[in-house]
């Protein structure tokens, strides 16, 4: 079980404190939602923030690219020390060759490569990627904003990904994860849990307790 708090849900004016809190609070990785204002409505953070986060923690950084042109972001992500990159298959509008090329480019730059699936996107969209991926991230909310309710209908997709790809990849869940839904995600086959609002809901000072609560789900 990997717990990866999403900094997108942290108080913006206390982002440095949030990084220290998840680092000291037992997190396994830091999840970075990079949004371009086009693929999804909001704009989150880019190069300078990612570099600053990288310098402030020893935890591995995983970048979730909610952007229309994922490949263009790979050079600066690699330079910033990001460990893993997740791209959305929907950004390629059905071009599976383009997805495969992007995944291979991520790996060529020394980063783990994964794909994310929006709620409306079926597992068939990544059927040709067996053997190409390190992880698959199943979205259990619509990407673009934090605090949305968990879509339990997506649990069958989590199980389908786990069954189709076997033990060759890490199956992740992103959206609406808390101490209750974490157990459901794990039972469905997930091992990488992205949690934002539930980690930062109380306060920066409550981050350790929120991560511990997720751990009790295992």
C-alpha atoms as a PDB file:
ATOM      1  CA  UNK A   1       0.000   0.000   0.000  1.00  0.00           C
ATOM      2  CA  UNK A   2       1.428   3.325  -1.108  1.00  0.00           C
ATOM      3  CA  UNK A   3      -0.081   6.512   0.323  1.00  0.00           C
ATOM      4  CA  UNK A   4       0.543   9.533  -1.895  1.00  0.00           C
ATOM      5  CA  UNK A   5      -0.976  12.809  -0.634  1.00  0.00           C
ATOM      6  CA  UNK A   6      -1.988  15.213  -3.377  1.00  0.00           C
ATOM      7  CA  UNK A   7      -0.544  18.680  -2.836  1.00  0.00           C
ATOM      8  CA  UNK A   8      -3.320  20.168  -4.944  1.00  0.00           C
ATOM      9  CA  UNK A   9      -5.583  19.850  -1.893  1.00  0.00           C
ATOM     10  CA  UNK A  10      -3.108  21.545   0.470  1.00  0.00           C
ATOM     11  CA  UNK A  11      -3.568  25.180   1.559  1.00  0.00           C
ATOM     12  CA  UNK A  12      -1.876  27.189  -1.168  1.00  0.00           C
ATOM     13  CA  UNK A  13      -0.241  29.682   1.175  1.00  0.00           C
ATOM     14  CA  UNK A  14       1.216  26.835   3.268  1.00  0.00           C
ATOM     15  CA  UNK A  15       2.532  24.588   0.499  1.00  0.00           C
ATOM     16  CA  UNK A  16       5.989  24.359   2.095  1.00  0.00           C
ATOM     17  CA  UNK A  17       4.481  23.353   5.431  1.00  0.00           C
ATOM     18  CA  UNK A  18       2.348  20.790   3.611  1.00  0.00           C
ATOM     19  CA  UNK A  19       5.401  19.209   1.982  1.00  0.00           C
ATOM     20  CA  UNK A  20       7.142  18.948   5.356  1.00  0.00           C
ATOM     21  CA  UNK A  21       4.001  17.548   6.968  1.00  0.00           C
ATOM     22  CA  UNK A  22       3.563  14.704   4.475  1.00  0.00           C
ATOM     23  CA  UNK A  23       7.297  13.980   4.527  1.00  0.00           C
ATOM     24  CA  UNK A  24       7.362  13.709   8.316  1.00  0.00           C
ATOM     25  CA  UNK A  25       3.888  12.184   8.533  1.00  0.00           C
ATOM     26  CA  UNK A  26       4.618   8.826   6.943  1.00  0.00           C
ATOM     27  CA  UNK A  27       3.632   9.350   3.315  1.00  0.00           C
ATOM     28  CA  UNK A  28       5.287   7.142   0.696  1.00  0.00           C
ATOM     29  CA  UNK A  29       5.230   9.628  -2.186  1.00  0.00           C
ATOM     30  CA  UNK A  30       4.034  13.103  -3.118  1.00  0.00           C
ATOM     31  CA  UNK A  31       1.376  13.325  -5.816  1.00  0.00           C
ATOM     32  CA  UNK A  32       1.571  16.407  -8.027  1.00  0.00           C
ATOM     33  CA  UNK A  33      -1.451  17.320 -10.145  1.00  0.00           C
ATOM     34  CA  UNK A  34      -0.177  19.345 -13.101  1.00  0.00           C
ATOM     35  CA  UNK A  35      -3.102  21.046 -14.904  1.00  0.00           C
ATOM     36  CA  UNK A  36      -2.925  23.286 -17.938  1.00  0.00           C
ATOM     37  CA  UNK A  37      -6.347  24.974 -17.969  1.00  0.00           C
ATOM     38  CA  UNK A  38      -7.171  23.229 -21.253  1.00  0.00           C
ATOM     39  CA  UNK A  39      -7.442  19.478 -20.695  1.00  0.00           C
ATOM     40  CA  UNK A  40      -9.160  20.384 -17.414  1.00  0.00           C
ATOM     41  CA  UNK A  41     -10.448  23.797 -16.410  1.00  0.00           C
ATOM     42  CA  UNK A  42      -8.092  24.735 -13.552  1.00  0.00           C
ATOM     43  CA  UNK A  43      -4.411  25.636 -13.780  1.00  0.00           C
ATOM     44  CA  UNK A  44      -2.443  24.192 -10.888  1.00  0.00           C
ATOM     45  CA  UNK A  45       1.333  24.453 -10.713  1.00  0.00           C
ATOM     46  CA  UNK A  46       4.302  23.962 -12.963  1.00  0.00           C
ATOM     47  CA  UNK A  47       8.061  23.886 -13.147  1.00  0.00           C
ATOM     48  CA  UNK A  48       9.039  26.252 -10.334  1.00  0.00           C
ATOM     49  CA  UNK A  49       6.727  24.706  -7.740  1.00  0.00           C
ATOM     50  CA  UNK A  50       7.716  21.152  -8.684  1.00  0.00           C
ATOM     51  CA  UNK A  51      11.399  22.053  -8.410  1.00  0.00           C
ATOM     52  CA  UNK A  52      10.811  23.613  -4.986  1.00  0.00           C
ATOM     53  CA  UNK A  53       8.896  20.558  -3.765  1.00  0.00           C
ATOM     54  CA  UNK A  54      11.637  18.261  -5.042  1.00  0.00           C
ATOM     55  CA  UNK A  55      14.245  20.207  -3.092  1.00  0.00           C
ATOM     56  CA  UNK A  56      12.148  20.109   0.090  1.00  0.00           C
ATOM     57  CA  UNK A  57      11.536  16.362   0.421  1.00  0.00           C
ATOM     58  CA  UNK A  58      13.273  13.024   0.026  1.00  0.00           C
ATOM     59  CA  UNK A  59       9.989  11.382  -0.969  1.00  0.00           C
ATOM     60  CA  UNK A  60       9.557  10.326  -4.600  1.00  0.00           C
ATOM     61  CA  UNK A  61       7.459  12.705  -6.689  1.00  0.00           C
ATOM     62  CA  UNK A  62       4.741  11.410  -8.989  1.00  0.00           C
ATOM     63  CA  UNK A  63       3.346  13.869 -11.527  1.00  0.00           C
ATOM     64  CA  UNK A  64      -0.205  13.381 -12.786  1.00  0.00           C
ATOM     65  CA  UNK A  65      -0.439  15.294 -16.055  1.00  0.00           C
ATOM     66  CA  UNK A  66      -3.922  16.624 -16.723  1.00  0.00           C
ATOM     67  CA  UNK A  67      -2.680  18.444 -19.807  1.00  0.00           C
ATOM     68  CA  UNK A  68      -3.381  18.396 -23.535  1.00  0.00           C
ATOM     69  CA  UNK A  69       0.236  17.906 -24.634  1.00  0.00           C
ATOM     70  CA  UNK A  70       1.875  15.609 -22.061  1.00  0.00           C
ATOM     71  CA  UNK A  71       5.090  14.967 -23.983  1.00  0.00           C
ATOM     72  CA  UNK A  72       6.023  18.653 -23.955  1.00  0.00           C
ATOM     73  CA  UNK A  73       6.205  18.559 -20.148  1.00  0.00           C
ATOM     74  CA  UNK A  74       8.549  15.592 -19.853  1.00  0.00           C
ATOM     75  CA  UNK A  75      11.906  17.427 -20.109  1.00  0.00           C
ATOM     76  CA  UNK A  76      11.293  19.763 -17.180  1.00  0.00           C
ATOM     77  CA  UNK A  77       9.706  17.025 -15.076  1.00  0.00           C
ATOM     78  CA  UNK A  78      12.780  14.848 -15.528  1.00  0.00           C
ATOM     79  CA  UNK A  79      15.061  17.801 -14.730  1.00  0.00           C
ATOM     80  CA  UNK A  80      13.071  18.477 -11.548  1.00  0.00           C
ATOM     81  CA  UNK A  81      13.732  14.957 -10.293  1.00  0.00           C
ATOM     82  CA  UNK A  82      10.223  13.579 -10.717  1.00  0.00           C
ATOM     83  CA  UNK A  83      10.186   9.801 -10.272  1.00  0.00           C
ATOM     84  CA  UNK A  84       6.989   8.882 -12.080  1.00  0.00           C
ATOM     85  CA  UNK A  85       4.704  10.455 -14.668  1.00  0.00           C
ATOM     86  CA  UNK A  86       1.074   9.572 -15.330  1.00  0.00           C
ATOM     87  CA  UNK A  87      -0.508  10.734 -18.573  1.00  0.00           C
ATOM     88  CA  UNK A  88      -4.167  10.648 -19.576  1.00  0.00           C
ATOM     89  CA  UNK A  89      -5.018   8.417 -22.519  1.00  0.00           C
ATOM     90  CA  UNK A  90      -7.847  10.848 -23.340  1.00  0.00           C
ATOM     91  CA  UNK A  91      -5.287  13.529 -24.182  1.00  0.00           C
ATOM     92  CA  UNK A  92      -4.345  11.474 -27.264  1.00  0.00           C
ATOM     93  CA  UNK A  93      -7.898  11.244 -28.630  1.00  0.00           C
ATOM     94  CA  UNK A  94      -7.757   7.568 -29.460  1.00  0.00           C
ATOM     95  CA  UNK A  95      -4.212   7.538 -30.836  1.00  0.00           C
ATOM     96  CA  UNK A  96      -2.803   4.458 -29.086  1.00  0.00           C
ATOM     97  CA  UNK A  97       0.472   4.733 -30.991  1.00  0.00           C
ATOM     98  CA  UNK A  98       0.870   8.215 -29.568  1.00  0.00           C
ATOM     99  CA  UNK A  99       0.234   6.915 -26.059  1.00  0.00           C
ATOM    100  CA  UNK A 100       2.812   4.150 -26.461  1.00  0.00           C
ATOM    101  CA  UNK A 101       5.386   6.603 -27.810  1.00  0.00           C
ATOM    102  CA  UNK A 102       4.748   8.950 -24.883  1.00  0.00           C
ATOM    103  CA  UNK A 103       5.068   6.116 -22.361  1.00  0.00           C
ATOM    104  CA  UNK A 104       8.348   5.034 -23.901  1.00  0.00           C
ATOM    105  CA  UNK A 105       9.610   8.617 -23.858  1.00  0.00           C
ATOM    106  CA  UNK A 106       8.839   8.830 -20.138  1.00  0.00           C
ATOM    107  CA  UNK A 107      10.838   5.672 -19.490  1.00  0.00           C
ATOM    108  CA  UNK A 108      13.667   6.829 -21.729  1.00  0.00           C
ATOM    109  CA  UNK A 109      14.009   9.851 -19.460  1.00  0.00           C
ATOM    110  CA  UNK A 110      14.423   7.579 -16.442  1.00  0.00           C
ATOM    111  CA  UNK A 111      10.942   7.942 -14.960  1.00  0.00           C
ATOM    112  CA  UNK A 112       8.244   5.391 -14.217  1.00  0.00           C
ATOM    113  CA  UNK A 113       5.437   5.569 -16.761  1.00  0.00           C
ATOM    114  CA  UNK A 114       1.725   5.270 -16.169  1.00  0.00           C
ATOM    115  CA  UNK A 115      -1.639   6.150 -17.638  1.00  0.00           C
ATOM    116  CA  UNK A 116      -4.771   7.531 -16.024  1.00  0.00           C
ATOM    117  CA  UNK A 117      -8.344   6.697 -16.990  1.00  0.00           C
ATOM    118  CA  UNK A 118     -11.227   9.139 -16.582  1.00  0.00           C
ATOM    119  CA  UNK A 119     -14.450   7.619 -15.201  1.00  0.00           C
ATOM    120  CA  UNK A 120     -16.005   7.392 -18.673  1.00  0.00           C
ATOM    121  CA  UNK A 121     -12.963   5.676 -20.216  1.00  0.00           C
ATOM    122  CA  UNK A 122     -12.968   1.892 -20.261  1.00  0.00           C
ATOM    123  CA  UNK A 123     -10.027  -0.432 -19.741  1.00  0.00           C
ATOM    124  CA  UNK A 124     -10.188  -1.334 -23.439  1.00  0.00           C
ATOM    125  CA  UNK A 125      -8.493   2.026 -24.124  1.00  0.00           C
ATOM    126  CA  UNK A 126      -5.230   0.662 -22.662  1.00  0.00           C
ATOM    127  CA  UNK A 127      -5.496  -2.929 -23.883  1.00  0.00           C
ATOM    128  CA  UNK A 128      -2.534  -2.416 -26.219  1.00  0.00           C
ATOM    129  CA  UNK A 129      -0.286  -1.204 -23.407  1.00  0.00           C
ATOM    130  CA  UNK A 130       0.316  -4.514 -21.657  1.00  0.00           C
ATOM    131  CA  UNK A 131       4.044  -4.713 -20.948  1.00  0.00           C
ATOM    132  CA  UNK A 132       4.558  -0.978 -21.505  1.00  0.00           C
ATOM    133  CA  UNK A 133       3.383   0.434 -18.179  1.00  0.00           C
ATOM    134  CA  UNK A 134       4.579   0.681 -14.612  1.00  0.00           C
ATOM    135  CA  UNK A 135       1.240   1.823 -13.225  1.00  0.00           C
ATOM    136  CA  UNK A 136      -2.396   2.589 -14.082  1.00  0.00           C
ATOM    137  CA  UNK A 137      -4.340   5.262 -12.198  1.00  0.00           C
ATOM    138  CA  UNK A 138      -8.103   4.810 -12.109  1.00  0.00           C
ATOM    139  CA  UNK A 139      -9.924   8.084 -11.524  1.00  0.00           C
ATOM    140  CA  UNK A 140     -12.773   7.668  -9.055  1.00  0.00           C
ATOM    141  CA  UNK A 141     -13.806  11.305  -9.542  1.00  0.00           C
ATOM    142  CA  UNK A 142     -13.839  13.559 -12.574  1.00  0.00           C
ATOM    143  CA  UNK A 143     -10.329  15.044 -12.865  1.00  0.00           C
ATOM    144  CA  UNK A 144      -9.818  18.729 -12.245  1.00  0.00           C
ATOM    145  CA  UNK A 145     -10.993  19.507  -8.715  1.00  0.00           C
ATOM    146  CA  UNK A 146     -10.560  18.082  -5.242  1.00  0.00           C
ATOM    147  CA  UNK A 147     -13.213  17.212  -2.692  1.00  0.00           C
ATOM    148  CA  UNK A 148     -15.553  15.293  -5.025  1.00  0.00           C
ATOM    149  CA  UNK A 149     -17.423  12.206  -3.775  1.00  0.00           C
ATOM    150  CA  UNK A 150     -15.986   8.771  -4.440  1.00  0.00           C
ATOM    151  CA  UNK A 151     -17.523   6.947  -7.429  1.00  0.00           C
ATOM    152  CA  UNK A 152     -18.018   3.380  -6.221  1.00  0.00           C
ATOM    153  CA  UNK A 153     -19.004   2.296  -9.711  1.00  0.00           C
ATOM    154  CA  UNK A 154     -15.316   2.644 -10.635  1.00  0.00           C
ATOM    155  CA  UNK A 155     -14.265  -0.175  -8.296  1.00  0.00           C
ATOM    156  CA  UNK A 156     -15.099  -2.735 -10.968  1.00  0.00           C
ATOM    157  CA  UNK A 157     -12.690  -0.918 -13.279  1.00  0.00           C
ATOM    158  CA  UNK A 158      -9.971  -1.137 -10.625  1.00  0.00           C
ATOM    159  CA  UNK A 159     -10.521  -4.891 -10.458  1.00  0.00           C
ATOM    160  CA  UNK A 160     -10.538  -5.186 -14.241  1.00  0.00           C
ATOM    161  CA  UNK A 161      -7.201  -3.387 -14.509  1.00  0.00           C
ATOM    162  CA  UNK A 162      -5.719  -5.585 -11.772  1.00  0.00           C
ATOM    163  CA  UNK A 163      -6.984  -8.733 -13.476  1.00  0.00           C
ATOM    164  CA  UNK A 164      -5.860  -7.765 -16.981  1.00  0.00           C
ATOM    165  CA  UNK A 165      -2.393  -6.507 -16.078  1.00  0.00           C
ATOM    166  CA  UNK A 166      -1.721  -8.915 -13.228  1.00  0.00           C
ATOM    167  CA  UNK A 167       1.182  -8.217 -10.902  1.00  0.00           C
ATOM    168  CA  UNK A 168       3.219  -6.450 -13.582  1.00  0.00           C
ATOM    169  CA  UNK A 169       1.937  -2.990 -12.676  1.00  0.00           C
ATOM    170  CA  UNK A 170       0.887  -0.902  -9.701  1.00  0.00           C
ATOM    171  CA  UNK A 171      -2.842  -0.130  -9.716  1.00  0.00           C
ATOM    172  CA  UNK A 172      -3.730   3.268  -8.295  1.00  0.00           C
ATOM    173  CA  UNK A 173      -6.935   5.047  -7.312  1.00  0.00           C
ATOM    174  CA  UNK A 174      -7.334   8.812  -7.296  1.00  0.00           C
ATOM    175  CA  UNK A 175     -10.364  10.672  -5.997  1.00  0.00           C
ATOM    176  CA  UNK A 176     -12.486  10.631  -2.862  1.00  0.00           C
ATOM    177  CA  UNK A 177     -10.054   8.470  -0.908  1.00  0.00           C
ATOM    178  CA  UNK A 178     -10.499   8.477   2.854  1.00  0.00           C
ATOM    179  CA  UNK A 179     -10.241   5.903   5.629  1.00  0.00           C
ATOM    180  CA  UNK A 180     -13.487   4.269   4.502  1.00  0.00           C
ATOM    181  CA  UNK A 181     -13.104   4.259   0.720  1.00  0.00           C
ATOM    182  CA  UNK A 182      -9.441   3.248   0.965  1.00  0.00           C
ATOM    183  CA  UNK A 183     -10.496  -0.181   2.199  1.00  0.00           C
ATOM    184  CA  UNK A 184     -12.846  -0.587  -0.761  1.00  0.00           C
ATOM    185  CA  UNK A 185     -10.130   0.422  -3.211  1.00  0.00           C
ATOM    186  CA  UNK A 186      -7.651  -2.007  -1.687  1.00  0.00           C
ATOM    187  CA  UNK A 187     -10.178  -4.835  -1.768  1.00  0.00           C
ATOM    188  CA  UNK A 188     -10.723  -4.110  -5.480  1.00  0.00           C
ATOM    189  CA  UNK A 189      -7.003  -4.506  -6.193  1.00  0.00           C
ATOM    190  CA  UNK A 190      -5.507  -1.031  -5.773  1.00  0.00           C
ATOM    191  CA  UNK A 191      -2.146  -0.569  -4.065  1.00  0.00           C
ATOM    192  CA  UNK A 192      -1.423   3.125  -4.732  1.00  0.00           C
ATOM    193  CA  UNK A 193      -3.825   5.543  -3.057  1.00  0.00           C
ATOM    194  CA  UNK A 194      -3.914   9.238  -3.885  1.00  0.00           C
ATOM    195  CA  UNK A 195      -5.575  11.204  -1.096  1.00  0.00           C
ATOM    196  CA  UNK A 196      -5.975  14.954  -1.045  1.00  0.00           C
ATOM    197  CA  UNK A 197      -8.914  16.423   0.846  1.00  0.00           C
ATOM    198  CA  UNK A 198      -8.940  13.720   3.521  1.00  0.00           C
ATOM    199  CA  UNK A 199      -5.247  14.314   4.287  1.00  0.00           C
ATOM    200  CA  UNK A 200      -5.445  18.096   4.485  1.00  0.00           C
ATOM    201  CA  UNK A 201      -9.082  18.529   5.610  1.00  0.00           C
ATOM    202  CA  UNK A 202      -8.433  19.194   9.295  1.00  0.00           C
ATOM    203  CA  UNK A 203      -5.167  21.141   9.235  1.00  0.00           C
ATOM    204  CA  UNK A 204      -1.522  20.841   8.279  1.00  0.00           C
ATOM    205  CA  UNK A 205      -0.918  19.728  11.841  1.00  0.00           C
ATOM    206  CA  UNK A 206      -3.399  16.873  11.373  1.00  0.00           C
ATOM    207  CA  UNK A 207      -1.684  15.351   8.343  1.00  0.00           C
ATOM    208  CA  UNK A 208       0.079  12.564  10.243  1.00  0.00           C
ATOM    209  CA  UNK A 209      -3.174  11.444  11.866  1.00  0.00           C
ATOM    210  CA  UNK A 210      -4.960  11.467   8.504  1.00  0.00           C
ATOM    211  CA  UNK A 211      -2.227   9.310   6.915  1.00  0.00           C
ATOM    212  CA  UNK A 212      -2.336   6.933   9.889  1.00  0.00           C
ATOM    213  CA  UNK A 213      -6.092   6.618   9.416  1.00  0.00           C
ATOM    214  CA  UNK A 214      -5.548   5.551   5.813  1.00  0.00           C
ATOM    215  CA  UNK A 215      -2.957   2.996   6.958  1.00  0.00           C
ATOM    216  CA  UNK A 216      -5.529   1.330   9.227  1.00  0.00           C
ATOM    217  CA  UNK A 217      -7.473   0.424   6.086  1.00  0.00           C
ATOM    218  CA  UNK A 218      -4.768  -2.025   4.996  1.00  0.00           C
END
